[in-house]
């Protein structure tokens, strides 16, 4: 069944975009498990670009087949690669890899989608619906997918989706500490934060933890990694930087207020937005404060590092763009503020910053140099917006019904 258009702008104003896109040889049909081609068929044969232009109803149907229609995608600088319709209702997580896209739905079914074609390889239930799944980690070199829940790790064959038996005939790995954060891959180990405040290295191949380090309060945010430096943040404001290979401490600090927003990390710097209203930049190797700015409100959204700039949504103020690591500027260096934007920066594409406002379901673009709003598109059913890479990469959109749309950048 066709959904109504997701954009309030009259479609006729975008007709030229659709026709130009349609004449590139792309088509709109169902192919296998994905909507990945673009010929619009009728009982009288294929509709030509001229026929579509003369019939706004058929034109609207082309737009309505996708979470984001081809005209809106083109306006953002993207093309539609494919749309997969079967990831299950209310997906809570999407994990992007070079070869695959993995999702988990409300019933804890994992769906493995081929990234190139958009076709489903397999679908597998990994836990009861009452359990919370925190992460999906794909190791193509091991032909394994590891699923982290609060209490265990489930190992799946990445070719078939079938659960694999571990040593001593066990089908799952029971965790020593209850997991509270999504995991991050550190070599062949999974590293996660625990509810009781530890940063844990789990040897998922052997089925046991390798090391654990006490951080502070519950570690609810995913650890972040740059090179061999691993950083974990506790809910009570404790921050610890660790040697990822040896699990030894490099430095740690304690803020007076808590942290609920995920950090951003670069080659040389760590960026933290706190409930104490400060945005801080730390030297990654020493923990020294490089710069900090005091805002007018608590910061609940995390910063986003795109190239040499850091982007922070400040409630009541808008999206602020700052120099990431300015020289000898303890108060930071602001480039611009976009007061019209209530979204967080998710990616950069050419001269545009892509933003997502989850509360109002608005995907926007901002001029990279001036901070001026370029465009905004309403995506009322979207639940997740995830970039394949943060600079000039794919963009993935997931809706409540379990449809997954892959957009590829136009260059």
Protein backbone atom coordinates (compact mmCIF):
# COMPACT_ATOMS: atom_id res chain seq x y z
CA UNK A 1 0.00 0.00 0.00
CA UNK A 2 1.32 3.44 -0.93
CA UNK A 3 2.06 5.91 1.85
CA UNK A 4 1.10 9.56 1.48
CA UNK A 5 3.92 11.94 0.51
CA UNK A 6 6.22 12.87 3.40
CA UNK A 7 6.86 16.42 2.31
CA UNK A 8 4.52 19.39 2.50
CA UNK A 9 6.14 21.12 -0.50
CA UNK A 10 3.91 20.61 -3.61
CA UNK A 11 5.33 17.83 -5.74
CA UNK A 12 4.89 19.77 -9.00
CA UNK A 13 7.62 22.14 -7.84
CA UNK A 14 10.06 19.20 -7.84
CA UNK A 15 8.85 17.57 -11.07
CA UNK A 16 11.95 18.48 -13.05
CA UNK A 17 14.15 16.77 -10.44
CA UNK A 18 12.17 13.53 -10.71
CA UNK A 19 12.14 13.52 -14.49
CA UNK A 20 15.88 14.19 -14.72
CA UNK A 21 16.45 11.39 -12.24
CA UNK A 22 14.02 9.07 -14.01
CA UNK A 23 15.77 9.51 -17.38
CA UNK A 24 19.09 8.30 -15.95
CA UNK A 25 17.90 4.73 -16.57
CA UNK A 26 16.76 4.01 -13.03
CA UNK A 27 13.34 2.45 -12.30
CA UNK A 28 10.58 1.79 -9.50
CA UNK A 29 9.80 -1.98 -9.12
CA UNK A 30 9.97 -4.61 -6.43
CA UNK A 31 13.01 -6.79 -7.01
CA UNK A 32 13.48 -9.69 -4.63
CA UNK A 33 13.28 -8.34 -1.09
CA UNK A 34 14.24 -4.76 -1.92
CA UNK A 35 12.71 -1.87 -3.84
CA UNK A 36 15.83 -1.23 -5.85
CA UNK A 37 14.95 -0.38 -9.44
CA UNK A 38 12.93 2.36 -11.02
CA UNK A 39 10.67 1.49 -14.02
CA UNK A 40 7.06 2.45 -13.34
CA UNK A 41 4.78 -0.08 -15.06
CA UNK A 42 1.10 0.08 -16.04
CA UNK A 43 -1.32 -2.10 -18.00
CA UNK A 44 -0.29 -0.21 -21.12
CA UNK A 45 3.43 -0.70 -20.60
CA UNK A 46 6.13 1.54 -19.08
CA UNK A 47 5.35 5.16 -18.32
CA UNK A 48 7.73 7.54 -20.03
CA UNK A 49 9.22 10.57 -18.29
CA UNK A 50 6.82 12.73 -20.34
CA UNK A 51 3.81 10.68 -19.16
CA UNK A 52 4.88 11.02 -15.53
CA UNK A 53 5.33 14.77 -15.92
CA UNK A 54 1.80 15.08 -17.35
CA UNK A 55 0.26 12.95 -14.59
CA UNK A 56 0.89 14.35 -11.08
CA UNK A 57 -0.87 11.34 -9.51
CA UNK A 58 1.62 8.87 -10.96
CA UNK A 59 4.42 11.25 -10.10
CA UNK A 60 3.21 11.33 -6.48
CA UNK A 61 3.09 7.53 -6.42
CA UNK A 62 6.75 7.36 -7.42
CA UNK A 63 7.65 9.72 -4.55
CA UNK A 64 5.41 7.86 -2.08
CA UNK A 65 7.05 4.48 -2.65
CA UNK A 66 10.08 5.57 -0.65
CA UNK A 67 10.75 6.85 2.87
CA UNK A 68 12.34 9.76 1.04
CA UNK A 69 11.34 10.26 -2.58
CA UNK A 70 13.86 10.68 -5.39
CA UNK A 71 13.22 14.44 -5.69
CA UNK A 72 13.91 15.10 -2.00
CA UNK A 73 16.96 12.82 -2.11
CA UNK A 74 18.31 14.72 -5.09
CA UNK A 75 17.72 18.04 -3.33
CA UNK A 76 19.93 16.81 -0.47
CA UNK A 77 22.62 15.65 -2.89
CA UNK A 78 21.79 11.92 -2.73
CA UNK A 79 20.38 9.17 -4.95
CA UNK A 80 18.26 6.21 -3.87
CA UNK A 81 20.23 2.95 -3.98
CA UNK A 82 17.54 0.65 -2.56
CA UNK A 83 14.77 0.33 -0.01
CA UNK A 84 14.36 -2.90 1.98
CA UNK A 85 10.85 -3.49 3.41
CA UNK A 86 11.27 -6.34 5.91
CA UNK A 87 13.39 -5.38 8.96
CA UNK A 88 10.48 -5.92 11.40
CA UNK A 89 8.33 -3.49 13.36
CA UNK A 90 9.88 -0.80 15.57
CA UNK A 91 13.60 -1.34 14.82
CA UNK A 92 15.69 -0.12 17.73
CA UNK A 93 19.17 -0.49 16.26
CA UNK A 94 20.95 -0.44 12.91
CA UNK A 95 24.60 -1.42 12.50
CA UNK A 96 26.41 -0.39 9.30
CA UNK A 97 29.37 -2.36 7.92
CA UNK A 98 31.27 -2.44 4.62
CA UNK A 99 29.45 -5.54 3.39
CA UNK A 100 26.27 -5.61 5.44
CA UNK A 101 23.54 -3.70 7.25
CA UNK A 102 22.16 -5.33 10.40
CA UNK A 103 18.99 -4.35 12.25
CA UNK A 104 17.13 -5.54 15.34
CA UNK A 105 13.38 -5.12 15.81
CA UNK A 106 11.02 -5.01 18.81
CA UNK A 107 10.77 -8.82 18.89
CA UNK A 108 14.58 -9.13 18.86
CA UNK A 109 14.88 -10.53 15.37
CA UNK A 110 18.19 -9.70 13.68
CA UNK A 111 17.99 -9.02 9.94
CA UNK A 112 21.15 -9.24 7.80
CA UNK A 113 20.91 -7.13 4.63
CA UNK A 114 23.48 -7.15 1.83
CA UNK A 115 24.73 -3.55 1.66
CA UNK A 116 25.27 -3.53 -2.10
CA UNK A 117 22.02 -5.09 -3.28
CA UNK A 118 19.62 -4.40 -0.41
CA UNK A 119 18.56 -8.06 -0.37
CA UNK A 120 18.03 -10.00 2.85
CA UNK A 121 20.53 -12.78 3.55
CA UNK A 122 18.80 -14.06 6.71
CA UNK A 123 16.62 -13.20 9.69
CA UNK A 124 17.08 -14.75 13.13
CA UNK A 125 15.49 -14.39 16.58
CA UNK A 126 18.23 -13.93 19.21
CA UNK A 127 16.39 -13.21 22.48
CA UNK A 128 12.94 -12.91 24.00
CA UNK A 129 11.10 -9.65 23.34
CA UNK A 130 11.53 -8.62 26.98
CA UNK A 131 15.34 -8.62 26.76
CA UNK A 132 17.26 -5.49 25.76
CA UNK A 133 19.70 -5.87 22.87
CA UNK A 134 22.53 -3.34 23.12
CA UNK A 135 24.67 -4.04 20.09
CA UNK A 136 25.28 -5.96 16.86
CA UNK A 137 28.93 -6.47 15.90
CA UNK A 138 29.91 -8.08 12.60
CA UNK A 139 33.33 -9.67 12.08
CA UNK A 140 33.46 -10.65 8.36
CA UNK A 141 36.95 -12.12 8.74
CA UNK A 142 35.57 -14.53 11.36
CA UNK A 143 32.18 -15.08 9.66
CA UNK A 144 30.54 -14.11 12.95
CA UNK A 145 27.90 -11.70 14.22
CA UNK A 146 27.96 -11.06 17.98
CA UNK A 147 24.77 -9.88 19.66
CA UNK A 148 25.18 -8.20 23.07
CA UNK A 149 22.22 -8.18 25.47
CA UNK A 150 22.29 -7.01 29.08
CA UNK A 151 23.21 -10.48 30.32
CA UNK A 152 24.82 -12.44 27.49
CA UNK A 153 26.52 -12.58 24.11
CA UNK A 154 24.89 -14.61 21.35
CA UNK A 155 27.14 -15.78 18.47
CA UNK A 156 25.67 -16.17 14.98
CA UNK A 157 27.11 -17.56 11.77
CA UNK A 158 27.18 -14.53 9.46
CA UNK A 159 26.48 -16.67 6.38
CA UNK A 160 23.36 -18.40 7.71
CA UNK A 161 22.31 -16.54 10.85
CA UNK A 162 22.30 -19.76 12.85
CA UNK A 163 23.42 -19.62 16.52
CA UNK A 164 26.80 -21.26 17.11
CA UNK A 165 27.78 -23.49 19.99
CA UNK A 166 30.70 -22.42 22.17
CA UNK A 167 33.07 -24.36 24.36
CA UNK A 168 31.49 -26.82 26.81
CA UNK A 169 28.36 -27.02 24.67
CA UNK A 170 27.09 -23.55 25.60
CA UNK A 171 24.95 -21.63 23.12
CA UNK A 172 25.45 -18.22 24.80
CA UNK A 173 28.10 -16.40 26.84
CA UNK A 174 26.83 -15.30 30.23
CA UNK A 175 28.31 -11.93 31.22
CA UNK A 176 30.20 -11.40 34.46
CA UNK A 177 28.76 -7.86 34.74
CA UNK A 178 25.35 -6.69 33.53
CA UNK A 179 25.91 -4.67 30.36
CA UNK A 180 24.55 -1.11 30.18
CA UNK A 181 26.13 0.32 27.02
CA UNK A 182 26.46 -0.62 23.37
CA UNK A 183 29.76 -2.41 22.67
CA UNK A 184 32.73 -1.38 20.58
CA UNK A 185 35.09 -3.77 18.81
CA UNK A 186 38.68 -3.61 20.11
CA UNK A 187 40.62 -6.01 17.93
CA UNK A 188 38.96 -9.38 18.48
CA UNK A 189 37.44 -8.30 21.79
CA UNK A 190 34.15 -6.62 22.60
CA UNK A 191 34.34 -3.75 25.06
CA UNK A 192 31.21 -2.55 26.88
CA UNK A 193 30.16 -0.50 29.88
CA UNK A 194 28.55 -2.20 32.87
CA UNK A 195 25.63 -1.14 35.03
CA UNK A 196 27.85 -1.35 38.12
CA UNK A 197 30.43 1.05 36.66
CA UNK A 198 33.05 -1.15 34.99
CA UNK A 199 34.55 -0.97 31.53
CA UNK A 200 34.72 -4.61 30.44
CA UNK A 201 36.81 -6.34 27.75
CA UNK A 202 34.94 -9.51 26.68
CA UNK A 203 36.75 -12.27 24.79
CA UNK A 204 33.75 -13.40 22.81
CA UNK A 205 35.68 -16.15 21.01
CA UNK A 206 36.51 -17.86 24.32
CA UNK A 207 33.30 -16.86 26.05
CA UNK A 208 34.83 -15.09 29.08
CA UNK A 209 35.79 -11.55 30.10
CA UNK A 210 39.47 -10.64 29.79
CA UNK A 211 39.78 -7.43 31.82
CA UNK A 212 37.58 -4.94 33.68
CA UNK A 213 38.29 -1.48 35.06
CA UNK A 214 36.13 0.44 37.54
CA UNK A 215 35.14 3.85 36.10
CA UNK A 216 32.52 5.24 38.47
CA UNK A 217 28.74 5.15 38.20
CA UNK A 218 26.87 3.16 35.55
CA UNK A 219 28.60 3.26 32.15
CA UNK A 220 25.55 3.74 29.91
CA UNK A 221 27.30 5.36 26.96
CA UNK A 222 29.20 3.35 24.38
CA UNK A 223 33.00 3.53 24.79
CA UNK A 224 34.79 5.45 22.02
CA UNK A 225 38.09 4.49 20.40
CA UNK A 226 40.78 6.45 18.56
CA UNK A 227 43.94 4.60 17.65
CA UNK A 228 44.79 2.64 20.78
CA UNK A 229 43.06 5.02 23.20
CA UNK A 230 39.73 3.88 24.59
CA UNK A 231 37.52 6.29 26.55
CA UNK A 232 34.63 5.42 28.85
CA UNK A 233 32.24 7.80 30.61
CA UNK A 234 30.16 7.08 33.70
CA UNK A 235 26.77 8.60 34.46
CA UNK A 236 28.19 10.43 37.50
CA UNK A 237 30.64 12.43 35.35
CA UNK A 238 33.71 10.19 35.66
CA UNK A 239 35.85 10.04 32.50
CA UNK A 240 38.63 7.50 31.97
CA UNK A 241 41.03 7.09 29.03
CA UNK A 242 42.57 3.64 28.73
CA UNK A 243 45.18 1.84 26.69
CA UNK A 244 42.89 -0.38 24.62
CA UNK A 245 45.43 -3.19 24.25
CA UNK A 246 46.57 -3.49 27.87
CA UNK A 247 43.52 -2.14 29.76
CA UNK A 248 45.83 0.21 31.67
CA UNK A 249 44.78 3.73 32.61
CA UNK A 250 46.17 6.73 30.71
CA UNK A 251 44.28 9.44 32.61
CA UNK A 252 40.97 10.13 34.30
CA UNK A 253 38.97 13.09 35.55
CA UNK A 254 35.74 13.73 37.43
CA UNK A 255 33.13 16.37 36.54
CA UNK A 256 30.84 17.86 39.17
CA UNK A 257 27.70 16.97 37.20
CA UNK A 258 26.66 13.93 35.20
CA UNK A 259 26.97 13.17 31.50
CA UNK A 260 24.14 11.67 29.46
CA UNK A 261 25.25 12.70 25.95
CA UNK A 262 27.59 10.51 23.89
CA UNK A 263 31.08 11.99 23.37
CA UNK A 264 32.93 12.63 20.12
CA UNK A 265 36.51 11.55 19.60
CA UNK A 266 39.19 12.49 17.08
CA UNK A 267 42.85 11.59 16.53
CA UNK A 268 44.05 13.98 19.24
CA UNK A 269 41.00 15.24 21.13
CA UNK A 270 37.92 14.19 23.11
CA UNK A 271 34.75 16.30 23.19
CA UNK A 272 32.27 16.10 26.08
CA UNK A 273 28.89 17.83 26.49
CA UNK A 274 27.83 17.85 30.15
CA UNK A 275 24.80 18.46 32.32
CA UNK A 276 26.90 21.21 33.96
CA UNK A 277 26.24 23.26 30.76
CA UNK A 278 29.85 23.04 29.55
CA UNK A 279 31.15 21.78 26.21
CA UNK A 280 34.76 20.68 26.73
CA UNK A 281 37.67 19.60 24.57
CA UNK A 282 40.34 17.41 26.18
CA UNK A 283 43.77 16.44 24.92
CA UNK A 284 43.29 12.74 24.21
CA UNK A 285 46.70 11.62 25.48
CA UNK A 286 47.03 13.75 28.62
CA UNK A 287 43.49 14.70 29.65
CA UNK A 288 44.42 18.40 29.67
CA UNK A 289 41.50 20.75 28.96
CA UNK A 290 42.22 22.36 25.56
CA UNK A 291 39.14 24.61 25.64
CA UNK A 292 35.69 24.84 27.17
CA UNK A 293 32.60 26.98 26.69
CA UNK A 294 29.77 27.61 29.16
CA UNK A 295 26.28 27.54 27.65
CA UNK A 296 22.94 28.67 29.07
CA UNK A 297 21.44 25.23 29.53
CA UNK A 298 22.22 21.60 30.25
CA UNK A 299 23.58 19.75 27.23
CA UNK A 300 21.64 16.57 26.49
CA UNK A 301 22.74 15.96 22.90
CA UNK A 302 26.26 14.83 22.11
CA UNK A 303 28.74 16.77 19.96
CA UNK A 304 29.55 15.65 16.42
CA UNK A 305 33.07 15.87 14.98
CA UNK A 306 33.11 16.39 11.20
CA UNK A 307 36.56 17.12 9.82
CA UNK A 308 38.16 20.00 11.73
CA UNK A 309 34.91 21.28 13.21
CA UNK A 310 32.72 20.26 16.13
CA UNK A 311 28.93 20.72 16.07
CA UNK A 312 26.81 21.03 19.21
CA UNK A 313 23.05 21.43 19.58
CA UNK A 314 22.35 23.89 22.42
CA UNK A 315 18.67 24.01 23.49
CA UNK A 316 17.21 27.46 22.93
CA UNK A 317 20.22 28.58 20.93
CA UNK A 318 20.47 26.25 17.92
CA UNK A 319 23.26 24.31 16.26
CA UNK A 320 26.70 25.78 16.99
CA UNK A 321 29.78 25.15 14.84
CA UNK A 322 33.20 25.53 16.49
CA UNK A 323 36.82 24.95 15.55
CA UNK A 324 37.69 21.50 16.87
CA UNK A 325 41.25 22.09 18.05
CA UNK A 326 42.20 25.79 17.80
CA UNK A 327 45.68 26.81 18.95
CA UNK A 328 45.85 28.62 22.31
CA UNK A 329 42.12 29.46 22.50
CA UNK A 330 40.90 28.28 25.94
CA UNK A 331 37.46 29.79 25.30
CA UNK A 332 37.03 28.00 21.96
CA UNK A 333 36.47 29.51 18.52
CA UNK A 334 32.92 29.71 17.16
CA UNK A 335 32.34 29.80 13.40
CA UNK A 336 28.55 30.19 13.30
CA UNK A 337 25.24 29.42 15.00
CA UNK A 338 22.18 28.21 13.08
CA UNK A 339 19.28 29.37 15.25
CA UNK A 340 16.69 27.73 12.99
CA UNK A 341 18.10 24.23 13.52
CA UNK A 342 16.95 22.09 16.44
CA UNK A 343 18.71 19.01 15.11
CA UNK A 344 22.05 17.38 15.73
CA UNK A 345 24.69 17.09 13.01
CA UNK A 346 24.92 13.54 11.66
CA UNK A 347 27.12 13.86 8.57
CA UNK A 348 28.73 16.16 6.04
CA UNK A 349 28.13 15.97 2.31
CA UNK A 350 30.08 18.31 0.03
CA UNK A 351 29.28 21.85 1.26
CA UNK A 352 26.38 20.76 3.47
CA UNK A 353 25.98 19.61 7.04
CA UNK A 354 23.18 17.02 7.39
CA UNK A 355 21.11 17.39 10.58
CA UNK A 356 18.38 15.30 12.20
CA UNK A 357 15.77 16.60 14.63
CA UNK A 358 14.23 13.46 16.10
CA UNK A 359 11.54 15.30 18.07
CA UNK A 360 10.02 16.94 14.99
CA UNK A 361 11.25 14.31 12.49
CA UNK A 362 12.99 16.88 10.29
CA UNK A 363 16.07 16.10 8.20
CA UNK A 364 17.85 19.33 7.34
CA UNK A 365 20.87 20.68 5.52
CA UNK A 366 23.00 23.66 6.53
CA UNK A 367 25.63 25.45 4.49
CA UNK A 368 29.02 24.40 5.81
CA UNK A 369 30.64 27.82 5.47
CA UNK A 370 27.88 30.22 6.54
CA UNK A 371 25.57 28.19 8.78
CA UNK A 372 22.58 29.15 6.62
CA UNK A 373 19.68 26.67 6.38
CA UNK A 374 19.50 25.21 2.88
CA UNK A 375 16.63 22.71 3.02
CA UNK A 376 14.47 20.69 5.40
CA UNK A 377 12.43 17.56 4.76
CA UNK A 378 9.74 16.04 6.97
CA UNK A 379 10.14 12.28 7.60
CA UNK A 380 7.26 11.59 10.03
CA UNK A 381 7.70 7.81 10.19
CA UNK A 382 11.52 7.77 10.45
CA UNK A 383 12.97 6.36 13.67
CA UNK A 384 16.71 6.12 12.88
CA UNK A 385 19.04 8.19 10.69
CA UNK A 386 22.55 6.73 10.49
CA UNK A 387 25.43 7.64 8.15
CA UNK A 388 27.56 4.95 6.54
CA UNK A 389 30.46 7.33 7.04
CA UNK A 390 30.33 10.85 8.38
CA UNK A 391 31.90 12.57 5.36
CA UNK A 392 30.49 12.10 1.85
CA UNK A 393 29.16 8.64 2.64
CA UNK A 394 25.87 6.76 2.45
CA UNK A 395 22.89 7.74 4.57
CA UNK A 396 20.51 5.11 5.98
CA UNK A 397 16.93 5.88 7.05
CA UNK A 398 14.82 3.39 9.04
CA UNK A 399 11.11 3.80 9.77
CA UNK A 400 8.76 2.37 12.41
CA UNK A 401 7.47 -0.31 10.04
CA UNK A 402 10.96 -1.71 9.44
CA UNK A 403 11.72 -0.27 6.02
CA UNK A 404 15.38 0.58 5.44
CA UNK A 405 16.38 3.13 2.79
CA UNK A 406 19.94 3.49 1.54
CA UNK A 407 20.91 6.82 -0.01
CA UNK A 408 24.21 7.21 -1.86
CA UNK A 409 25.91 10.59 -2.37
CA UNK A 410 25.78 12.31 -5.75
CA UNK A 411 29.13 13.80 -6.71
